[in-house]
Every structure is written in C-alpha cells, then in structure tokens.
Amino acid sequence: MESRSATEMLPVSSTIQGSSQLSHLPDPNQWIALNSRVEATERDVTDIRETMTTMNTNINSLNDTLTAINNQLQQMREEMRRDITAMDLRINARFNDVDSRFKLQ
C-alpha cells in the first residue's frame, strides 16, 4: 500500500479553505471590481445601442425630409421649364408678328 502525505489525507473542506489563502488566486474584491466593470461596460454598450438607434431614426427622418425637398425641387424645375418654354414661344410669336408687320410695309 502506498503512503500518502498529510496534506493528501486532509478532508476536502479543509483543502478548499486552505486554497483561499493561496497567493495565485485573485482577491474576492478583484472579482467584485471586475464584475462592476463588466456591468458598467454592458450599460455603456446598451447606451451606445440606444444612441445608434436614435441616430438611425434621425438619419431616416432627415433622409425622408431631403427626399421630399428633392421632389419639390424637381417639380419646381419642371414647372419652370414649362413656363420658360411657353414664354419663349410667346416671345417668338411676338417677334414673328412684328417681323411680318414690318415686311408688309
């Protein structure tokens, strides 16, 4: 039969209690601090996501507004084009009328 050392024969509970004093294990306060930092980071990420959602909503609203403005400008451009064409036709008709009057004399 093999001989066991004294530490090998200690009950598990005493081994666990002894392990809390091992220097390579982190201090429980470090776990608390780390957990606090993780929670703060999670809150920051949630805040960033909410901010991004708000920004996306605002960008979509701005895009809708710019699209509406663009459509209005297109409509105004078409109206101006029609008005200028009609005015050009009236001016040409007047010049033709004046030309025909002077040619008859």
C-alpha atoms as a PDB file:
ATOM      1  CA  MET A   1       0.000   0.000   0.000  1.00  0.00           C
ATOM      2  CA  GLU A   2       1.166   3.479  -0.891  1.00  0.00           C
ATOM      3  CA  SER A   3       1.915   6.006   1.784  1.00  0.00           C
ATOM      4  CA  ARG A   4       0.110   9.365   1.499  1.00  0.00           C
ATOM      5  CA  SER A   5       1.323  12.694   2.745  1.00  0.00           C
ATOM      6  CA  ALA A   6      -0.525  14.572   5.472  1.00  0.00           C
ATOM      7  CA  THR A   7      -1.969  17.143   3.081  1.00  0.00           C
ATOM      8  CA  GLU A   8      -3.318  14.412   0.846  1.00  0.00           C
ATOM      9  CA  MET A   9      -5.224  12.967   3.777  1.00  0.00           C
ATOM     10  CA  LEU A  10      -6.960  16.223   4.767  1.00  0.00           C
ATOM     11  CA  PRO A  11     -10.689  16.368   4.122  1.00  0.00           C
ATOM     12  CA  VAL A  12     -11.809  18.280   1.026  1.00  0.00           C
ATOM     13  CA  SER A  13     -13.326  21.150   3.055  1.00  0.00           C
ATOM     14  CA  SER A  14     -10.029  21.928   4.747  1.00  0.00           C
ATOM     15  CA  THR A  15      -8.291  21.843   1.364  1.00  0.00           C
ATOM     16  CA  ILE A  16     -10.805  24.350  -0.030  1.00  0.00           C
ATOM     17  CA  GLN A  17     -10.383  26.623   2.988  1.00  0.00           C
ATOM     18  CA  GLY A  18      -6.653  26.438   2.620  1.00  0.00           C
ATOM     19  CA  SER A  19      -6.825  27.237  -1.076  1.00  0.00           C
ATOM     20  CA  SER A  20      -8.382  30.646  -0.386  1.00  0.00           C
ATOM     21  CA  GLN A  21      -5.074  31.662   1.088  1.00  0.00           C
ATOM     22  CA  LEU A  22      -3.106  30.713  -1.999  1.00  0.00           C
ATOM     23  CA  SER A  23      -1.424  33.773  -3.468  1.00  0.00           C
ATOM     24  CA  HIS A  24      -2.148  32.920  -7.098  1.00  0.00           C
ATOM     25  CA  LEU A  25      -5.923  33.146  -6.624  1.00  0.00           C
ATOM     26  CA  PRO A  26      -7.472  36.582  -7.114  1.00  0.00           C
ATOM     27  CA  ASP A  27      -8.778  38.508  -4.183  1.00  0.00           C
ATOM     28  CA  PRO A  28     -12.617  38.404  -3.991  1.00  0.00           C
ATOM     29  CA  ASN A  29     -12.571  42.202  -4.114  1.00  0.00           C
ATOM     30  CA  GLN A  30     -10.911  41.928  -7.519  1.00  0.00           C
ATOM     31  CA  TRP A  31     -13.823  39.767  -8.705  1.00  0.00           C
ATOM     32  CA  ILE A  32     -16.268  42.366  -7.389  1.00  0.00           C
ATOM     33  CA  ALA A  33     -14.367  45.167  -9.121  1.00  0.00           C
ATOM     34  CA  LEU A  34     -14.170  43.163 -12.344  1.00  0.00           C
ATOM     35  CA  ASN A  35     -17.882  42.385 -12.172  1.00  0.00           C
ATOM     36  CA  SER A  36     -18.621  46.091 -11.642  1.00  0.00           C
ATOM     37  CA  ARG A  37     -16.520  46.971 -14.678  1.00  0.00           C
ATOM     38  CA  VAL A  38     -18.284  44.335 -16.780  1.00  0.00           C
ATOM     39  CA  GLU A  39     -21.686  45.674 -15.702  1.00  0.00           C
ATOM     40  CA  ALA A  40     -20.599  49.247 -16.455  1.00  0.00           C
ATOM     41  CA  THR A  41     -19.351  48.154 -19.871  1.00  0.00           C
ATOM     42  CA  GLU A  42     -22.655  46.381 -20.554  1.00  0.00           C
ATOM     43  CA  ARG A  43     -24.525  49.576 -19.604  1.00  0.00           C
ATOM     44  CA  ASP A  44     -22.261  51.588 -21.899  1.00  0.00           C
ATOM     45  CA  VAL A  45     -22.900  49.161 -24.759  1.00  0.00           C
ATOM     46  CA  THR A  46     -26.660  49.384 -24.128  1.00  0.00           C
ATOM     47  CA  ASP A  47     -26.434  53.197 -24.111  1.00  0.00           C
ATOM     48  CA  ILE A  48     -24.432  53.134 -27.344  1.00  0.00           C
ATOM     49  CA  ARG A  49     -27.007  50.838 -28.963  1.00  0.00           C
ATOM     50  CA  GLU A  50     -29.834  53.148 -27.885  1.00  0.00           C
ATOM     51  CA  THR A  51     -27.911  56.153 -29.189  1.00  0.00           C
ATOM     52  CA  MET A  52     -27.291  54.383 -32.502  1.00  0.00           C
ATOM     53  CA  THR A  53     -30.987  53.525 -32.778  1.00  0.00           C
ATOM     54  CA  THR A  54     -31.897  57.159 -32.138  1.00  0.00           C
ATOM     55  CA  MET A  55     -29.304  58.323 -34.657  1.00  0.00           C
ATOM     56  CA  ASN A  56     -30.613  55.879 -37.270  1.00  0.00           C
ATOM     57  CA  THR A  57     -34.150  57.144 -36.672  1.00  0.00           C
ATOM     58  CA  ASN A  58     -32.958  60.746 -37.034  1.00  0.00           C
ATOM     59  CA  ILE A  59     -30.990  59.906 -40.178  1.00  0.00           C
ATOM     60  CA  ASN A  60     -34.036  58.182 -41.677  1.00  0.00           C
ATOM     61  CA  SER A  61     -36.166  61.218 -40.830  1.00  0.00           C
ATOM     62  CA  LEU A  62     -33.588  63.550 -42.374  1.00  0.00           C
ATOM     63  CA  ASN A  63     -33.429  61.331 -45.456  1.00  0.00           C
ATOM     64  CA  ASP A  64     -37.228  61.482 -45.784  1.00  0.00           C
ATOM     65  CA  THR A  65     -37.135  65.275 -45.462  1.00  0.00           C
ATOM     66  CA  LEU A  66     -34.368  65.598 -48.059  1.00  0.00           C
ATOM     67  CA  THR A  67     -36.259  63.286 -50.421  1.00  0.00           C
ATOM     68  CA  ALA A  68     -39.377  65.441 -50.049  1.00  0.00           C
ATOM     69  CA  ILE A  69     -37.345  68.606 -50.704  1.00  0.00           C
ATOM     70  CA  ASN A  70     -35.730  66.986 -53.740  1.00  0.00           C
ATOM     71  CA  ASN A  71     -39.149  66.002 -55.098  1.00  0.00           C
ATOM     72  CA  GLN A  72     -40.422  69.560 -54.609  1.00  0.00           C
ATOM     73  CA  LEU A  73     -37.359  70.959 -56.383  1.00  0.00           C
ATOM     74  CA  GLN A  74     -37.863  68.528 -59.279  1.00  0.00           C
ATOM     75  CA  GLN A  75     -41.486  69.633 -59.552  1.00  0.00           C
ATOM     76  CA  MET A  76     -40.478  73.316 -59.459  1.00  0.00           C
ATOM     77  CA  ARG A  77     -37.819  72.678 -62.120  1.00  0.00           C
ATOM     78  CA  GLU A  78     -40.408  71.059 -64.395  1.00  0.00           C
ATOM     79  CA  GLU A  79     -42.837  73.946 -63.840  1.00  0.00           C
ATOM     80  CA  MET A  80     -40.089  76.474 -64.608  1.00  0.00           C
ATOM     81  CA  ARG A  81     -39.116  74.548 -67.731  1.00  0.00           C
ATOM     82  CA  ARG A  82     -42.746  74.611 -68.917  1.00  0.00           C
ATOM     83  CA  ASP A  83     -43.097  78.318 -68.073  1.00  0.00           C
ATOM     84  CA  ILE A  84     -39.839  79.220 -69.849  1.00  0.00           C
ATOM     85  CA  THR A  85     -40.828  77.180 -72.902  1.00  0.00           C
ATOM     86  CA  ALA A  86     -44.259  78.884 -73.005  1.00  0.00           C
ATOM     87  CA  MET A  87     -42.635  82.309 -72.556  1.00  0.00           C
ATOM     88  CA  ASP A  88     -40.116  81.537 -75.297  1.00  0.00           C
ATOM     89  CA  LEU A  89     -42.948  80.535 -77.637  1.00  0.00           C
ATOM     90  CA  ARG A  90     -44.857  83.772 -76.848  1.00  0.00           C
ATOM     91  CA  ILE A  91     -41.741  85.899 -77.425  1.00  0.00           C
ATOM     92  CA  ASN A  92     -41.048  84.133 -80.724  1.00  0.00           C
ATOM     93  CA  ALA A  93     -44.681  84.633 -81.768  1.00  0.00           C
ATOM     94  CA  ARG A  94     -44.438  88.382 -80.999  1.00  0.00           C
ATOM     95  CA  PHE A  95     -41.181  88.730 -82.911  1.00  0.00           C
ATOM     96  CA  ASN A  96     -42.710  86.872 -85.830  1.00  0.00           C
ATOM     97  CA  ASP A  97     -45.744  89.156 -85.646  1.00  0.00           C
ATOM     98  CA  VAL A  98     -43.557  92.289 -85.577  1.00  0.00           C
ATOM     99  CA  ASP A  99     -41.387  90.910 -88.390  1.00  0.00           C
ATOM    100  CA  SER A 100     -44.418  90.186 -90.538  1.00  0.00           C
ATOM    101  CA  ARG A 101     -45.782  93.721 -89.977  1.00  0.00           C
ATOM    102  CA  PHE A 102     -42.531  95.363 -90.996  1.00  0.00           C
ATOM    103  CA  LYS A 103     -42.117  93.102 -94.033  1.00  0.00           C
ATOM    104  CA  LEU A 104     -45.511  94.176 -95.303  1.00  0.00           C
ATOM    105  CA  GLN A 105     -44.553  97.857 -95.300  1.00  0.00           C
END
